[in-house]
Amino acid sequence: MQQPLVAVSTDVRQFDNYTWHAAPQQYIEAAIAGAGVFPLLVPSFGDRLDFDELLSSVDGVMITGSKSNVHPSLYGGVPSEANGPYDPARDSTTLPLIRKAIERGVPLLAICRGIQELNVALGGTLGTEIQEREGSLDHRAPVSDNQDERFGIHQTISIKPGSCLAGVFGAGEMKVNSLHRQAIDRLGSKLQVEALATDGTIEAVSVKDARAFAVGVQWHPEYWVKSDSNSAKIFRAFGDAVRLHVAAKTGARAAAE
């Protein structure tokens, strides 16, 4: 079966005396195994890249999680050492790529840092160190050297009835592996809430009146995509949307010939 191309965001990191543009393997593996697509890593060179050309060549966009945070200057915040690290090269690439993908109706899945980038790209703001807010749960990962423990599925969220994700998971409560210390504060004007944590923290959003699947989740479905049914469902839904986009483009080309 054909594997449609999906553009995947990259982090910029320094090691071995080189500058690397890279993505964690869990996301790449989930794209292949869960969505059935061909992940194409997009280097973070900002406006030096022709996003229109890229989006003419791919059929989906996946924005990954990352250890870095969106630079606060992009949403009216104040940068600090405690809030870092930052990756301005990634910000300069992902934010315009997200906007272009939505504009052109290219399916979009944004995960963890990705949902925060999606919100900022559409005019929203982020709250930092949310575990310090009155009444907030501690959404951070447990302290452990064991990644399976850190990414354990333990947090309860509620999927809104009638939402896009209700069509994927069904409405009501489900458990996810959400681990983060910042989250959406003011929601971007083109976004709608798809899921909430029990303390009211926004855990998933979708783009209003989107021409294609355009969803952001705060949790990490990529980690358990091969063993957790709900983690698999979100990637399957994204992959299905990508293939639908392929079919629509193929049909439009055939009609034009």
C-alpha atoms as a PDB file:
ATOM      1  CA  MET A   1       0.000   0.000   0.000  1.00  0.00           C
ATOM      2  CA  GLN A   2       1.240   3.497  -0.842  1.00  0.00           C
ATOM      3  CA  GLN A   3       2.656   5.516   2.070  1.00  0.00           C
ATOM      4  CA  PRO A   4       1.614   9.177   1.715  1.00  0.00           C
ATOM      5  CA  LEU A   5       4.256  11.737   2.638  1.00  0.00           C
ATOM      6  CA  VAL A   6       3.787  13.578   5.934  1.00  0.00           C
ATOM      7  CA  ALA A   7       5.948  16.546   6.935  1.00  0.00           C
ATOM      8  CA  VAL A   8       7.354  16.184  10.477  1.00  0.00           C
ATOM      9  CA  SER A   9       8.799  19.030  12.556  1.00  0.00           C
ATOM     10  CA  THR A  10      12.378  18.925  13.826  1.00  0.00           C
ATOM     11  CA  ASP A  11      14.254  20.243  16.831  1.00  0.00           C
ATOM     12  CA  VAL A  12      17.593  21.984  16.456  1.00  0.00           C
ATOM     13  CA  ARG A  13      20.194  20.475  18.776  1.00  0.00           C
ATOM     14  CA  GLN A  14      23.937  20.804  19.267  1.00  0.00           C
ATOM     15  CA  PHE A  15      26.001  17.649  19.806  1.00  0.00           C
ATOM     16  CA  ASP A  16      29.146  15.970  18.473  1.00  0.00           C
ATOM     17  CA  ASN A  17      30.301  19.432  17.338  1.00  0.00           C
ATOM     18  CA  TYR A  18      27.462  19.602  14.806  1.00  0.00           C
ATOM     19  CA  THR A  19      24.099  21.321  14.576  1.00  0.00           C
ATOM     20  CA  TRP A  20      21.426  18.662  14.095  1.00  0.00           C
ATOM     21  CA  HIS A  21      17.832  18.922  12.868  1.00  0.00           C
ATOM     22  CA  ALA A  22      16.165  15.876  14.390  1.00  0.00           C
ATOM     23  CA  ALA A  23      12.950  14.288  15.682  1.00  0.00           C
ATOM     24  CA  PRO A  24      12.499  11.630  18.397  1.00  0.00           C
ATOM     25  CA  GLN A  25      12.137   8.121  17.027  1.00  0.00           C
ATOM     26  CA  GLN A  26       8.821   7.472  18.865  1.00  0.00           C
ATOM     27  CA  TYR A  27       7.037  10.014  16.666  1.00  0.00           C
ATOM     28  CA  ILE A  28       8.581   8.717  13.466  1.00  0.00           C
ATOM     29  CA  GLU A  29       7.776   5.118  14.397  1.00  0.00           C
ATOM     30  CA  ALA A  30       4.182   6.060  15.292  1.00  0.00           C
ATOM     31  CA  ALA A  31       3.756   7.838  11.963  1.00  0.00           C
ATOM     32  CA  ILE A  32       4.815   4.683  10.112  1.00  0.00           C
ATOM     33  CA  ALA A  33       3.228   2.014  12.318  1.00  0.00           C
ATOM     34  CA  GLY A  34       0.168   3.907  13.523  1.00  0.00           C
ATOM     35  CA  ALA A  35      -0.758   6.213  10.646  1.00  0.00           C
ATOM     36  CA  GLY A  36       0.743   4.209   7.785  1.00  0.00           C
ATOM     37  CA  VAL A  37       2.530   7.224   6.337  1.00  0.00           C
ATOM     38  CA  PHE A  38       6.048   8.109   5.198  1.00  0.00           C
ATOM     39  CA  PRO A  39       7.476  10.691   7.656  1.00  0.00           C
ATOM     40  CA  LEU A  40       9.542  13.391   5.984  1.00  0.00           C
ATOM     41  CA  LEU A  41      11.642  15.448   8.411  1.00  0.00           C
ATOM     42  CA  VAL A  42      11.488  19.178   7.717  1.00  0.00           C
ATOM     43  CA  PRO A  43      14.622  21.115   8.727  1.00  0.00           C
ATOM     44  CA  SER A  44      13.989  24.168  10.872  1.00  0.00           C
ATOM     45  CA  PHE A  45      15.124  26.992   8.595  1.00  0.00           C
ATOM     46  CA  GLY A  46      12.102  29.262   8.966  1.00  0.00           C
ATOM     47  CA  ASP A  47      11.278  31.589   6.083  1.00  0.00           C
ATOM     48  CA  ARG A  48      14.121  30.184   3.989  1.00  0.00           C
ATOM     49  CA  LEU A  49      11.753  27.287   3.270  1.00  0.00           C
ATOM     50  CA  ASP A  50       8.982  27.406   0.667  1.00  0.00           C
ATOM     51  CA  PHE A  51       6.042  26.096   2.696  1.00  0.00           C
ATOM     52  CA  ASP A  52       3.656  26.276  -0.242  1.00  0.00           C
ATOM     53  CA  GLU A  53       5.922  24.004  -2.257  1.00  0.00           C
ATOM     54  CA  LEU A  54       6.274  21.642   0.687  1.00  0.00           C
ATOM     55  CA  LEU A  55       2.510  21.431   1.213  1.00  0.00           C
ATOM     56  CA  SER A  56       1.978  20.764  -2.476  1.00  0.00           C
ATOM     57  CA  SER A  57       4.217  17.721  -2.113  1.00  0.00           C
ATOM     58  CA  VAL A  58       2.989  16.205   1.171  1.00  0.00           C
ATOM     59  CA  ASP A  59      -0.449  15.088   2.347  1.00  0.00           C
ATOM     60  CA  GLY A  60      -0.165  15.724   6.072  1.00  0.00           C
ATOM     61  CA  VAL A  61       1.763  17.577   8.774  1.00  0.00           C
ATOM     62  CA  MET A  62       2.768  16.249  12.196  1.00  0.00           C
ATOM     63  CA  ILE A  63       4.149  18.600  14.844  1.00  0.00           C
ATOM     64  CA  THR A  64       6.021  16.640  17.498  1.00  0.00           C
ATOM     65  CA  GLY A  65       6.608  17.136  21.183  1.00  0.00           C
ATOM     66  CA  SER A  66       9.929  18.406  22.445  1.00  0.00           C
ATOM     67  CA  LYS A  67      11.837  19.279  25.602  1.00  0.00           C
ATOM     68  CA  SER A  68      11.983  22.909  24.448  1.00  0.00           C
ATOM     69  CA  ASN A  69       9.192  25.460  24.896  1.00  0.00           C
ATOM     70  CA  VAL A  70       7.717  28.008  22.493  1.00  0.00           C
ATOM     71  CA  HIS A  71       9.551  31.307  23.015  1.00  0.00           C
ATOM     72  CA  PRO A  72       7.317  33.531  25.209  1.00  0.00           C
ATOM     73  CA  SER A  73       7.966  36.601  23.052  1.00  0.00           C
ATOM     74  CA  LEU A  74       5.699  34.991  20.447  1.00  0.00           C
ATOM     75  CA  TYR A  75       2.650  35.284  22.724  1.00  0.00           C
ATOM     76  CA  GLY A  76       3.442  38.325  24.849  1.00  0.00           C
ATOM     77  CA  GLY A  77       5.250  36.460  27.621  1.00  0.00           C
ATOM     78  CA  VAL A  78       8.623  36.991  29.249  1.00  0.00           C
ATOM     79  CA  PRO A  79      11.437  34.486  28.622  1.00  0.00           C
ATOM     80  CA  SER A  80      13.337  33.089  31.588  1.00  0.00           C
ATOM     81  CA  GLU A  81      15.963  30.466  32.254  1.00  0.00           C
ATOM     82  CA  ALA A  82      13.444  28.471  34.287  1.00  0.00           C
ATOM     83  CA  ASN A  83      10.965  28.383  31.380  1.00  0.00           C
ATOM     84  CA  GLY A  84      13.547  27.218  28.840  1.00  0.00           C
ATOM     85  CA  PRO A  85      15.116  25.705  26.909  1.00  0.00           C
ATOM     86  CA  TYR A  86      13.907  27.438  23.761  1.00  0.00           C
ATOM     87  CA  ASP A  87      14.276  26.584  20.089  1.00  0.00           C
ATOM     88  CA  PRO A  88      13.630  29.754  18.048  1.00  0.00           C
ATOM     89  CA  ALA A  89      14.595  28.067  14.770  1.00  0.00           C
ATOM     90  CA  ARG A  90      11.861  25.494  15.317  1.00  0.00           C
ATOM     91  CA  ASP A  91       9.343  28.218  16.253  1.00  0.00           C
ATOM     92  CA  SER A  92      10.141  30.119  13.053  1.00  0.00           C
ATOM     93  CA  THR A  93       9.358  26.981  11.052  1.00  0.00           C
ATOM     94  CA  THR A  94       6.440  25.305  12.827  1.00  0.00           C
ATOM     95  CA  LEU A  95       4.230  28.356  13.361  1.00  0.00           C
ATOM     96  CA  PRO A  96       4.037  29.400   9.680  1.00  0.00           C
ATOM     97  CA  LEU A  97       3.853  25.739   8.619  1.00  0.00           C
ATOM     98  CA  ILE A  98       0.845  25.199  10.900  1.00  0.00           C
ATOM     99  CA  ARG A  99      -0.926  28.284   9.542  1.00  0.00           C
ATOM    100  CA  LYS A 100      -0.261  27.273   5.922  1.00  0.00           C
ATOM    101  CA  ALA A 101      -1.403  23.682   6.501  1.00  0.00           C
ATOM    102  CA  ILE A 102      -4.713  24.888   7.965  1.00  0.00           C
ATOM    103  CA  GLU A 103      -5.172  27.436   5.172  1.00  0.00           C
ATOM    104  CA  ARG A 104      -4.579  24.801   2.493  1.00  0.00           C
ATOM    105  CA  GLY A 105      -6.650  22.065   4.145  1.00  0.00           C
ATOM    106  CA  VAL A 106      -3.723  19.697   4.738  1.00  0.00           C
ATOM    107  CA  PRO A 107      -4.385  17.269   7.650  1.00  0.00           C
ATOM    108  CA  LEU A 108      -2.565  18.270  10.836  1.00  0.00           C
ATOM    109  CA  LEU A 109      -1.746  16.410  14.061  1.00  0.00           C
ATOM    110  CA  ALA A 110       0.033  18.414  16.772  1.00  0.00           C
ATOM    111  CA  ILE A 111       1.344  16.660  19.890  1.00  0.00           C
ATOM    112  CA  CYS A 112       2.513  18.079  23.257  1.00  0.00           C
ATOM    113  CA  ARG A 113       4.704  21.079  22.290  1.00  0.00           C
ATOM    114  CA  GLY A 114       2.793  20.854  19.032  1.00  0.00           C
ATOM    115  CA  ILE A 115      -0.576  21.739  20.590  1.00  0.00           C
ATOM    116  CA  GLN A 116       1.100  24.728  22.231  1.00  0.00           C
ATOM    117  CA  GLU A 117       2.586  25.802  18.887  1.00  0.00           C
ATOM    118  CA  LEU A 118      -0.833  25.386  17.279  1.00  0.00           C
ATOM    119  CA  ASN A 119      -2.382  27.651  19.899  1.00  0.00           C
ATOM    120  CA  VAL A 120       0.309  30.320  19.593  1.00  0.00           C
ATOM    121  CA  ALA A 121       0.193  30.149  15.770  1.00  0.00           C
ATOM    122  CA  LEU A 122      -3.514  31.032  15.967  1.00  0.00           C
ATOM    123  CA  GLY A 123      -3.135  33.900  18.422  1.00  0.00           C
ATOM    124  CA  GLY A 124      -3.419  32.111  21.760  1.00  0.00           C
ATOM    125  CA  THR A 125      -1.198  32.265  24.837  1.00  0.00           C
ATOM    126  CA  LEU A 126       0.430  29.715  27.144  1.00  0.00           C
ATOM    127  CA  GLY A 127       0.501  29.351  30.904  1.00  0.00           C
ATOM    128  CA  THR A 128       3.820  28.251  32.405  1.00  0.00           C
ATOM    129  CA  GLU A 129       4.528  26.122  35.483  1.00  0.00           C
ATOM    130  CA  ILE A 130       0.847  25.266  35.692  1.00  0.00           C
ATOM    131  CA  GLN A 131       1.456  22.956  38.667  1.00  0.00           C
ATOM    132  CA  GLU A 132       1.885  26.134  40.724  1.00  0.00           C
ATOM    133  CA  ARG A 133      -1.613  27.434  39.930  1.00  0.00           C
ATOM    134  CA  GLU A 134      -4.186  27.180  42.679  1.00  0.00           C
ATOM    135  CA  GLY A 135      -6.364  24.112  42.173  1.00  0.00           C
ATOM    136  CA  SER A 136      -4.177  22.677  39.413  1.00  0.00           C
ATOM    137  CA  LEU A 137      -2.985  19.111  39.248  1.00  0.00           C
ATOM    138  CA  ASP A 138       0.716  18.381  38.824  1.00  0.00           C
ATOM    139  CA  HIS A 139       0.847  17.403  35.151  1.00  0.00           C
ATOM    140  CA  ARG A 140       4.584  16.798  35.141  1.00  0.00           C
ATOM    141  CA  ALA A 141       6.104  13.376  34.535  1.00  0.00           C
ATOM    142  CA  PRO A 142       6.994  11.382  37.651  1.00  0.00           C
ATOM    143  CA  VAL A 143      10.675  11.470  38.537  1.00  0.00           C
ATOM    144  CA  SER A 144      12.117   8.245  37.166  1.00  0.00           C
ATOM    145  CA  ASP A 145      14.894   6.941  34.944  1.00  0.00           C
ATOM    146  CA  ASN A 146      12.386   4.490  33.483  1.00  0.00           C
ATOM    147  CA  GLN A 147      10.701   5.986  30.413  1.00  0.00           C
ATOM    148  CA  ASP A 148       7.746   3.606  30.659  1.00  0.00           C
ATOM    149  CA  GLU A 149       7.051   4.962  34.143  1.00  0.00           C
ATOM    150  CA  ARG A 150       7.459   8.567  33.012  1.00  0.00           C
ATOM    151  CA  PHE A 151       5.057   8.033  30.111  1.00  0.00           C
ATOM    152  CA  GLY A 152       2.600   5.911  32.058  1.00  0.00           C
ATOM    153  CA  ILE A 153      -1.110   6.279  31.251  1.00  0.00           C
ATOM    154  CA  HIS A 154      -2.609   7.680  34.433  1.00  0.00           C
ATOM    155  CA  GLN A 155      -4.373  11.021  33.880  1.00  0.00           C
ATOM    156  CA  THR A 156      -8.120  11.249  33.367  1.00  0.00           C
ATOM    157  CA  ILE A 157      -9.495  13.567  30.696  1.00  0.00           C
ATOM    158  CA  SER A 158     -12.996  14.152  29.407  1.00  0.00           C
ATOM    159  CA  ILE A 159     -13.744  14.194  25.666  1.00  0.00           C
ATOM    160  CA  LYS A 160     -16.458  16.721  24.768  1.00  0.00           C
ATOM    161  CA  PRO A 161     -19.647  15.278  23.234  1.00  0.00           C
ATOM    162  CA  GLY A 162     -20.047  16.130  19.561  1.00  0.00           C
ATOM    163  CA  SER A 163     -16.362  16.996  19.166  1.00  0.00           C
ATOM    164  CA  CYS A 164     -13.975  15.734  16.507  1.00  0.00           C
ATOM    165  CA  LEU A 165     -12.272  13.467  19.036  1.00  0.00           C
ATOM    166  CA  ALA A 166     -15.611  12.090  20.216  1.00  0.00           C
ATOM    167  CA  GLY A 167     -15.775  10.600  16.737  1.00  0.00           C
ATOM    168  CA  VAL A 168     -12.376   8.993  17.333  1.00  0.00           C
ATOM    169  CA  PHE A 169     -12.643   7.820  20.953  1.00  0.00           C
ATOM    170  CA  GLY A 170     -16.284   8.333  21.881  1.00  0.00           C
ATOM    171  CA  ALA A 171     -17.377  11.030  24.329  1.00  0.00           C
ATOM    172  CA  GLY A 172     -16.710  10.832  28.069  1.00  0.00           C
ATOM    173  CA  GLU A 173     -13.717  10.002  30.217  1.00  0.00           C
ATOM    174  CA  MET A 174     -10.542   8.256  29.150  1.00  0.00           C
ATOM    175  CA  LYS A 175      -7.019   7.970  30.520  1.00  0.00           C
ATOM    176  CA  VAL A 176      -3.960   9.394  28.795  1.00  0.00           C
ATOM    177  CA  ASN A 177      -0.248   9.904  29.423  1.00  0.00           C
ATOM    178  CA  SER A 178      -0.190  13.672  29.659  1.00  0.00           C
ATOM    179  CA  LEU A 179       3.024  15.111  31.105  1.00  0.00           C
ATOM    180  CA  HIS A 180       3.766  18.805  30.857  1.00  0.00           C
ATOM    181  CA  ARG A 181       4.502  21.914  32.912  1.00  0.00           C
ATOM    182  CA  GLN A 182       2.879  24.462  30.654  1.00  0.00           C
ATOM    183  CA  ALA A 183      -0.419  24.462  28.818  1.00  0.00           C
ATOM    184  CA  ILE A 184      -2.867  26.560  26.820  1.00  0.00           C
ATOM    185  CA  ASP A 185      -3.946  29.697  28.676  1.00  0.00           C
ATOM    186  CA  ARG A 186      -5.962  31.921  26.312  1.00  0.00           C
ATOM    187  CA  LEU A 187      -7.336  29.802  23.498  1.00  0.00           C
ATOM    188  CA  GLY A 188      -6.562  30.839  19.930  1.00  0.00           C
ATOM    189  CA  SER A 189      -9.598  32.377  18.225  1.00  0.00           C
ATOM    190  CA  LYS A 190      -9.852  29.673  15.555  1.00  0.00           C
ATOM    191  CA  LEU A 191      -9.626  26.802  18.042  1.00  0.00           C
ATOM    192  CA  GLN A 192     -12.223  24.900  20.017  1.00  0.00           C
ATOM    193  CA  VAL A 193     -11.724  22.694  23.068  1.00  0.00           C
ATOM    194  CA  GLU A 194     -11.912  18.950  22.464  1.00  0.00           C
ATOM    195  CA  ALA A 195     -10.893  17.585  25.876  1.00  0.00           C
ATOM    196  CA  LEU A 196     -10.224  18.786  29.422  1.00  0.00           C
ATOM    197  CA  ALA A 197      -8.355  17.379  32.408  1.00  0.00           C
ATOM    198  CA  THR A 198     -10.237  17.124  35.701  1.00  0.00           C
ATOM    199  CA  ASP A 199      -8.700  20.440  36.841  1.00  0.00           C
ATOM    200  CA  GLY A 200      -9.921  22.236  33.697  1.00  0.00           C
ATOM    201  CA  THR A 201      -6.590  22.205  31.863  1.00  0.00           C
ATOM    202  CA  ILE A 202      -7.104  22.046  28.096  1.00  0.00           C
ATOM    203  CA  GLU A 203      -5.816  18.689  26.867  1.00  0.00           C
ATOM    204  CA  ALA A 204      -6.977  18.712  23.230  1.00  0.00           C
ATOM    205  CA  VAL A 205      -8.189  21.206  20.636  1.00  0.00           C
ATOM    206  CA  SER A 206      -9.322  21.269  17.022  1.00  0.00           C
ATOM    207  CA  VAL A 207      -9.481  24.003  14.397  1.00  0.00           C
ATOM    208  CA  LYS A 208     -12.980  25.409  13.894  1.00  0.00           C
ATOM    209  CA  ASP A 209     -14.428  24.805  10.429  1.00  0.00           C
ATOM    210  CA  ALA A 210     -11.197  23.165   9.279  1.00  0.00           C
ATOM    211  CA  ARG A 211     -11.139  21.828   5.727  1.00  0.00           C
ATOM    212  CA  ALA A 212      -9.386  18.681   7.001  1.00  0.00           C
ATOM    213  CA  PHE A 213      -8.451  16.899  10.232  1.00  0.00           C
ATOM    214  CA  ALA A 214      -6.666  19.527  12.369  1.00  0.00           C
ATOM    215  CA  VAL A 215      -6.206  18.415  15.971  1.00  0.00           C
ATOM    216  CA  GLY A 216      -3.788  19.081  18.805  1.00  0.00           C
ATOM    217  CA  VAL A 217      -3.369  16.855  21.869  1.00  0.00           C
ATOM    218  CA  GLN A 218      -1.342  17.615  24.976  1.00  0.00           C
ATOM    219  CA  TRP A 219      -0.649  13.960  25.777  1.00  0.00           C
ATOM    220  CA  HIS A 220       1.708  11.467  24.095  1.00  0.00           C
ATOM    221  CA  PRO A 221      -0.112   8.884  21.946  1.00  0.00           C
ATOM    222  CA  GLU A 222       3.104   8.193  20.041  1.00  0.00           C
ATOM    223  CA  TYR A 223       4.643   6.415  23.045  1.00  0.00           C
ATOM    224  CA  TRP A 224       2.138   3.558  23.322  1.00  0.00           C
ATOM    225  CA  VAL A 225       0.821   3.463  19.751  1.00  0.00           C
ATOM    226  CA  LYS A 226       1.563  -0.266  19.405  1.00  0.00           C
ATOM    227  CA  SER A 227      -0.011  -1.384  22.684  1.00  0.00           C
ATOM    228  CA  ASP A 228      -2.719   1.116  23.723  1.00  0.00           C
ATOM    229  CA  SER A 229      -5.904   1.173  21.657  1.00  0.00           C
ATOM    230  CA  ASN A 230      -6.636   4.868  22.205  1.00  0.00           C
ATOM    231  CA  SER A 231      -3.092   5.849  21.262  1.00  0.00           C
ATOM    232  CA  ALA A 232      -3.486   3.824  18.081  1.00  0.00           C
ATOM    233  CA  LYS A 233      -6.888   5.381  17.303  1.00  0.00           C
ATOM    234  CA  ILE A 234      -5.607   8.967  17.056  1.00  0.00           C
ATOM    235  CA  PHE A 235      -2.835   7.972  14.630  1.00  0.00           C
ATOM    236  CA  ARG A 236      -5.251   5.850  12.616  1.00  0.00           C
ATOM    237  CA  ALA A 237      -7.645   8.800  12.364  1.00  0.00           C
ATOM    238  CA  PHE A 238      -4.796  11.050  11.219  1.00  0.00           C
ATOM    239  CA  GLY A 239      -3.630   8.475   8.672  1.00  0.00           C
ATOM    240  CA  ASP A 240      -7.166   8.081   7.341  1.00  0.00           C
ATOM    241  CA  ALA A 241      -7.430  11.869   6.936  1.00  0.00           C
ATOM    242  CA  VAL A 242      -4.112  11.915   5.072  1.00  0.00           C
ATOM    243  CA  ARG A 243      -5.289   9.204   2.673  1.00  0.00           C
ATOM    244  CA  LEU A 244      -8.563  11.068   2.157  1.00  0.00           C
ATOM    245  CA  HIS A 245      -6.502  14.125   1.219  1.00  0.00           C
ATOM    246  CA  VAL A 246      -4.533  12.011  -1.269  1.00  0.00           C
ATOM    247  CA  ALA A 247      -7.766  10.735  -2.828  1.00  0.00           C
ATOM    248  CA  ALA A 248      -9.171  14.252  -3.118  1.00  0.00           C
ATOM    249  CA  LYS A 249      -6.038  15.517  -4.869  1.00  0.00           C
ATOM    250  CA  THR A 250      -5.984  12.509  -7.183  1.00  0.00           C
ATOM    251  CA  GLY A 251      -9.647  13.063  -8.044  1.00  0.00           C
ATOM    252  CA  ALA A 252      -9.095  16.757  -8.710  1.00  0.00           C
ATOM    253  CA  ARG A 253      -6.194  15.996 -11.046  1.00  0.00           C
ATOM    254  CA  ALA A 254      -8.214  13.357 -12.895  1.00  0.00           C
ATOM    255  CA  ALA A 255     -11.133  15.772 -13.311  1.00  0.00           C
ATOM    256  CA  ALA A 256      -8.790  18.406 -14.740  1.00  0.00           C
ATOM    257  CA  GLU A 257      -7.355  16.063 -17.382  1.00  0.00           C
END
